[in-house]
């Protein structure tokens, strides 16, 4: 999976962006993440927000994943790759 990153929120967050357009089912994603113990904070057809390892993670159907706080690009890509491979 190929990802790029964008720095957001004044440098406190990073977003991993899939080069390939994905179409993730956020309802299915929420079920998978809840089974793993993640707390879902918000979910609708456009985004899914949950708590994971002290971070707020926002997942979008097109395969974008924002981590707040996060400043390490390599870690952002590694975490997003693992997540997206699990949810595809």
N, C-alpha and C. Protein backbone atom coordinates (compact mmCIF):
# COMPACT_ATOMS: atom_id res chain seq x y z
N UNK A 1 0.84 -1.16 0.00
CA UNK A 1 0.00 0.00 0.00
C UNK A 1 0.90 1.24 0.00
N UNK A 2 0.58 2.18 -0.86
CA UNK A 2 1.38 3.41 -0.95
C UNK A 2 0.63 4.54 -0.27
N UNK A 3 1.34 5.23 0.62
CA UNK A 3 0.75 6.33 1.37
C UNK A 3 1.66 7.55 1.30
N UNK A 4 1.05 8.70 1.39
CA UNK A 4 1.78 9.94 1.57
C UNK A 4 1.26 10.57 2.85
N UNK A 5 1.88 11.65 3.31
CA UNK A 5 1.40 12.29 4.53
C UNK A 5 1.22 13.78 4.33
N UNK A 6 0.38 14.35 5.19
CA UNK A 6 0.17 15.79 5.23
C UNK A 6 0.18 16.20 6.70
N UNK A 7 0.85 17.30 7.01
CA UNK A 7 0.90 17.81 8.37
C UNK A 7 -0.29 18.74 8.58
N UNK A 8 -1.00 18.57 9.69
CA UNK A 8 -2.21 19.34 9.98
C UNK A 8 -2.17 19.91 11.39
N UNK A 9 -3.13 20.73 11.70
CA UNK A 9 -3.36 21.25 13.06
C UNK A 9 -2.10 21.90 13.64
N UNK A 10 -1.48 22.77 12.87
CA UNK A 10 -0.30 23.46 13.35
C UNK A 10 0.88 22.55 13.61
N UNK A 11 0.92 21.41 12.92
CA UNK A 11 2.04 20.48 13.08
C UNK A 11 1.83 19.46 14.17
N UNK A 12 0.69 19.47 14.84
CA UNK A 12 0.44 18.52 15.91
C UNK A 12 -0.17 17.22 15.42
N UNK A 13 -0.64 17.19 14.17
CA UNK A 13 -1.28 16.00 13.62
C UNK A 13 -0.68 15.68 12.26
N UNK A 14 -0.75 14.40 11.91
CA UNK A 14 -0.36 13.96 10.58
C UNK A 14 -1.50 13.15 9.99
N UNK A 15 -1.69 13.31 8.68
CA UNK A 15 -2.68 12.51 7.98
C UNK A 15 -1.96 11.65 6.97
N UNK A 16 -2.23 10.36 7.01
CA UNK A 16 -1.75 9.43 6.00
C UNK A 16 -2.82 9.36 4.92
N UNK A 17 -2.39 9.49 3.68
CA UNK A 17 -3.32 9.53 2.56
C UNK A 17 -2.95 8.42 1.58
N UNK A 18 -3.91 7.54 1.33
CA UNK A 18 -3.69 6.45 0.39
C UNK A 18 -3.59 7.01 -1.02
N UNK A 19 -2.55 6.58 -1.75
CA UNK A 19 -2.40 7.00 -3.14
C UNK A 19 -3.53 6.39 -3.97
N UNK A 20 -3.94 5.18 -3.63
CA UNK A 20 -5.05 4.52 -4.30
C UNK A 20 -6.35 4.89 -3.60
N UNK A 21 -7.36 5.20 -4.37
CA UNK A 21 -8.66 5.54 -3.80
C UNK A 21 -9.29 4.29 -3.22
N UNK A 22 -9.64 4.35 -1.97
CA UNK A 22 -10.30 3.24 -1.29
C UNK A 22 -11.76 3.60 -1.06
N UNK A 23 -12.55 2.63 -0.72
CA UNK A 23 -13.95 2.85 -0.38
C UNK A 23 -14.25 2.00 0.85
N UNK A 24 -13.81 2.49 2.01
CA UNK A 24 -13.93 1.74 3.25
C UNK A 24 -15.35 1.80 3.79
N UNK A 25 -15.81 0.71 4.34
CA UNK A 25 -17.10 0.63 5.01
C UNK A 25 -16.86 1.02 6.48
N UNK A 26 -17.28 2.22 6.84
CA UNK A 26 -17.00 2.72 8.20
C UNK A 26 -17.79 1.97 9.26
N UNK A 27 -18.96 1.42 8.94
CA UNK A 27 -19.69 0.61 9.91
C UNK A 27 -18.92 -0.66 10.24
N UNK A 28 -18.40 -1.31 9.21
CA UNK A 28 -17.59 -2.51 9.42
C UNK A 28 -16.31 -2.16 10.18
N UNK A 29 -15.69 -1.04 9.81
CA UNK A 29 -14.47 -0.60 10.50
C UNK A 29 -14.74 -0.38 11.98
N UNK A 30 -15.86 0.25 12.30
CA UNK A 30 -16.20 0.51 13.71
C UNK A 30 -16.36 -0.80 14.47
N UNK A 31 -17.00 -1.78 13.85
CA UNK A 31 -17.17 -3.09 14.51
C UNK A 31 -15.82 -3.73 14.80
N UNK A 32 -14.93 -3.71 13.82
CA UNK A 32 -13.60 -4.30 13.99
C UNK A 32 -12.83 -3.58 15.09
N UNK A 33 -12.85 -2.27 15.06
CA UNK A 33 -12.09 -1.48 16.05
C UNK A 33 -12.66 -1.64 17.46
N UNK A 34 -13.98 -1.69 17.58
CA UNK A 34 -14.59 -1.89 18.90
C UNK A 34 -14.21 -3.25 19.48
N UNK A 35 -14.15 -4.29 18.64
CA UNK A 35 -13.75 -5.62 19.10
C UNK A 35 -12.32 -5.62 19.62
N UNK A 36 -11.50 -4.70 19.09
CA UNK A 36 -10.12 -4.58 19.55
C UNK A 36 -9.98 -3.66 20.76
N UNK A 37 -11.10 -3.13 21.25
CA UNK A 37 -11.08 -2.31 22.45
C UNK A 37 -11.01 -0.81 22.23
N UNK A 38 -11.09 -0.38 21.00
CA UNK A 38 -11.07 1.06 20.71
C UNK A 38 -12.42 1.68 21.07
N UNK A 39 -12.38 2.89 21.57
CA UNK A 39 -13.59 3.62 21.92
C UNK A 39 -13.96 4.52 20.75
N UNK A 40 -15.14 4.28 20.17
CA UNK A 40 -15.62 5.09 19.05
C UNK A 40 -16.22 6.37 19.63
N UNK A 41 -15.72 7.51 19.18
CA UNK A 41 -16.19 8.81 19.66
C UNK A 41 -17.25 9.41 18.75
N UNK A 42 -17.12 9.16 17.44
CA UNK A 42 -18.04 9.72 16.47
C UNK A 42 -18.02 8.85 15.22
N UNK A 43 -19.19 8.68 14.61
CA UNK A 43 -19.26 7.89 13.38
C UNK A 43 -20.45 8.36 12.56
N UNK A 44 -20.20 8.63 11.30
CA UNK A 44 -21.27 8.87 10.35
C UNK A 44 -20.77 8.36 8.99
N UNK A 45 -21.44 8.70 7.91
CA UNK A 45 -21.05 8.18 6.61
C UNK A 45 -19.77 8.82 6.07
N UNK A 46 -19.31 9.90 6.68
CA UNK A 46 -18.13 10.63 6.18
C UNK A 46 -16.86 10.40 6.99
N UNK A 47 -17.00 10.01 8.26
CA UNK A 47 -15.81 9.82 9.08
C UNK A 47 -16.09 8.95 10.28
N UNK A 48 -15.01 8.41 10.83
CA UNK A 48 -15.05 7.61 12.04
C UNK A 48 -13.92 8.12 12.93
N UNK A 49 -14.27 8.52 14.15
CA UNK A 49 -13.28 9.03 15.10
C UNK A 49 -13.23 8.08 16.29
N UNK A 50 -12.01 7.67 16.67
CA UNK A 50 -11.87 6.77 17.81
C UNK A 50 -10.56 7.05 18.53
N UNK A 51 -10.48 6.53 19.76
CA UNK A 51 -9.28 6.65 20.59
C UNK A 51 -8.44 5.38 20.41
N UNK A 52 -7.12 5.58 20.19
CA UNK A 52 -6.21 4.45 20.03
C UNK A 52 -4.83 4.86 20.54
N UNK A 53 -4.33 4.13 21.51
CA UNK A 53 -2.99 4.33 22.06
C UNK A 53 -2.71 5.80 22.40
N UNK A 54 -3.66 6.45 23.05
CA UNK A 54 -3.49 7.83 23.47
C UNK A 54 -3.63 8.86 22.37
N UNK A 55 -4.08 8.42 21.21
CA UNK A 55 -4.26 9.33 20.08
C UNK A 55 -5.73 9.35 19.68
N UNK A 56 -6.14 10.46 19.09
CA UNK A 56 -7.43 10.51 18.43
C UNK A 56 -7.18 10.21 16.96
N UNK A 57 -7.88 9.23 16.44
CA UNK A 57 -7.70 8.80 15.05
C UNK A 57 -9.00 9.08 14.30
N UNK A 58 -8.87 9.74 13.15
CA UNK A 58 -10.01 9.99 12.29
C UNK A 58 -9.78 9.23 10.99
N UNK A 59 -10.74 8.39 10.65
CA UNK A 59 -10.67 7.56 9.45
C UNK A 59 -11.74 8.02 8.46
N UNK A 60 -11.33 8.16 7.22
CA UNK A 60 -12.25 8.58 6.16
C UNK A 60 -12.40 7.45 5.15
N UNK A 61 -13.58 7.32 4.50
CA UNK A 61 -13.82 6.21 3.58
C UNK A 61 -12.82 6.12 2.43
N UNK A 62 -12.27 7.22 1.98
CA UNK A 62 -11.34 7.21 0.86
C UNK A 62 -9.94 6.70 1.23
N UNK A 63 -9.73 6.37 2.49
CA UNK A 63 -8.44 5.83 2.91
C UNK A 63 -7.51 6.83 3.55
N UNK A 64 -8.05 7.95 4.01
CA UNK A 64 -7.24 8.92 4.75
C UNK A 64 -7.38 8.61 6.23
N UNK A 65 -6.25 8.74 6.95
CA UNK A 65 -6.23 8.48 8.39
C UNK A 65 -5.45 9.60 9.06
N UNK A 66 -6.11 10.33 9.98
CA UNK A 66 -5.44 11.40 10.70
C UNK A 66 -5.19 10.96 12.15
N UNK A 67 -3.96 11.19 12.60
CA UNK A 67 -3.55 10.88 13.97
C UNK A 67 -3.23 12.18 14.70
N UNK A 68 -3.86 12.37 15.86
CA UNK A 68 -3.62 13.56 16.68
C UNK A 68 -3.41 13.12 18.12
N UNK A 69 -2.31 13.38 18.75
CA UNK A 69 -1.12 14.03 18.22
C UNK A 69 -0.25 13.01 17.49
N UNK A 70 0.49 13.49 16.52
CA UNK A 70 1.47 12.68 15.80
C UNK A 70 2.41 13.61 15.03
N UNK A 71 3.69 13.41 15.19
CA UNK A 71 4.67 14.22 14.47
C UNK A 71 5.67 13.38 13.68
N UNK A 72 5.65 12.07 13.88
CA UNK A 72 6.59 11.16 13.24
C UNK A 72 5.96 10.60 11.97
N UNK A 73 6.45 11.05 10.80
CA UNK A 73 5.88 10.62 9.51
C UNK A 73 6.00 9.11 9.30
N UNK A 74 7.13 8.53 9.61
CA UNK A 74 7.33 7.10 9.40
C UNK A 74 6.36 6.29 10.26
N UNK A 75 6.17 6.71 11.50
CA UNK A 75 5.24 6.00 12.38
C UNK A 75 3.80 6.16 11.90
N UNK A 76 3.47 7.35 11.41
CA UNK A 76 2.13 7.61 10.86
C UNK A 76 1.85 6.65 9.71
N UNK A 77 2.79 6.52 8.80
CA UNK A 77 2.60 5.65 7.65
C UNK A 77 2.52 4.18 8.08
N UNK A 78 3.35 3.78 9.01
CA UNK A 78 3.32 2.41 9.50
C UNK A 78 1.99 2.08 10.16
N UNK A 79 1.51 2.98 11.01
CA UNK A 79 0.24 2.75 11.71
C UNK A 79 -0.93 2.73 10.73
N UNK A 80 -0.94 3.66 9.78
CA UNK A 80 -2.03 3.72 8.80
C UNK A 80 -2.02 2.50 7.89
N UNK A 81 -0.84 2.05 7.48
CA UNK A 81 -0.76 0.86 6.63
C UNK A 81 -1.34 -0.34 7.34
N UNK A 82 -0.96 -0.53 8.58
CA UNK A 82 -1.47 -1.65 9.37
C UNK A 82 -2.99 -1.56 9.50
N UNK A 83 -3.49 -0.38 9.80
CA UNK A 83 -4.94 -0.18 9.97
C UNK A 83 -5.68 -0.46 8.66
N UNK A 84 -5.23 0.17 7.57
CA UNK A 84 -5.95 0.04 6.30
C UNK A 84 -5.91 -1.37 5.76
N UNK A 85 -4.81 -2.08 5.96
CA UNK A 85 -4.75 -3.47 5.51
C UNK A 85 -5.74 -4.34 6.29
N UNK A 86 -5.93 -4.02 7.55
CA UNK A 86 -6.88 -4.75 8.39
C UNK A 86 -8.33 -4.48 7.96
N UNK A 87 -8.61 -3.28 7.49
CA UNK A 87 -9.97 -2.86 7.18
C UNK A 87 -10.39 -3.08 5.75
N UNK A 88 -9.46 -3.34 4.87
CA UNK A 88 -9.80 -3.52 3.43
C UNK A 88 -10.52 -4.80 3.16
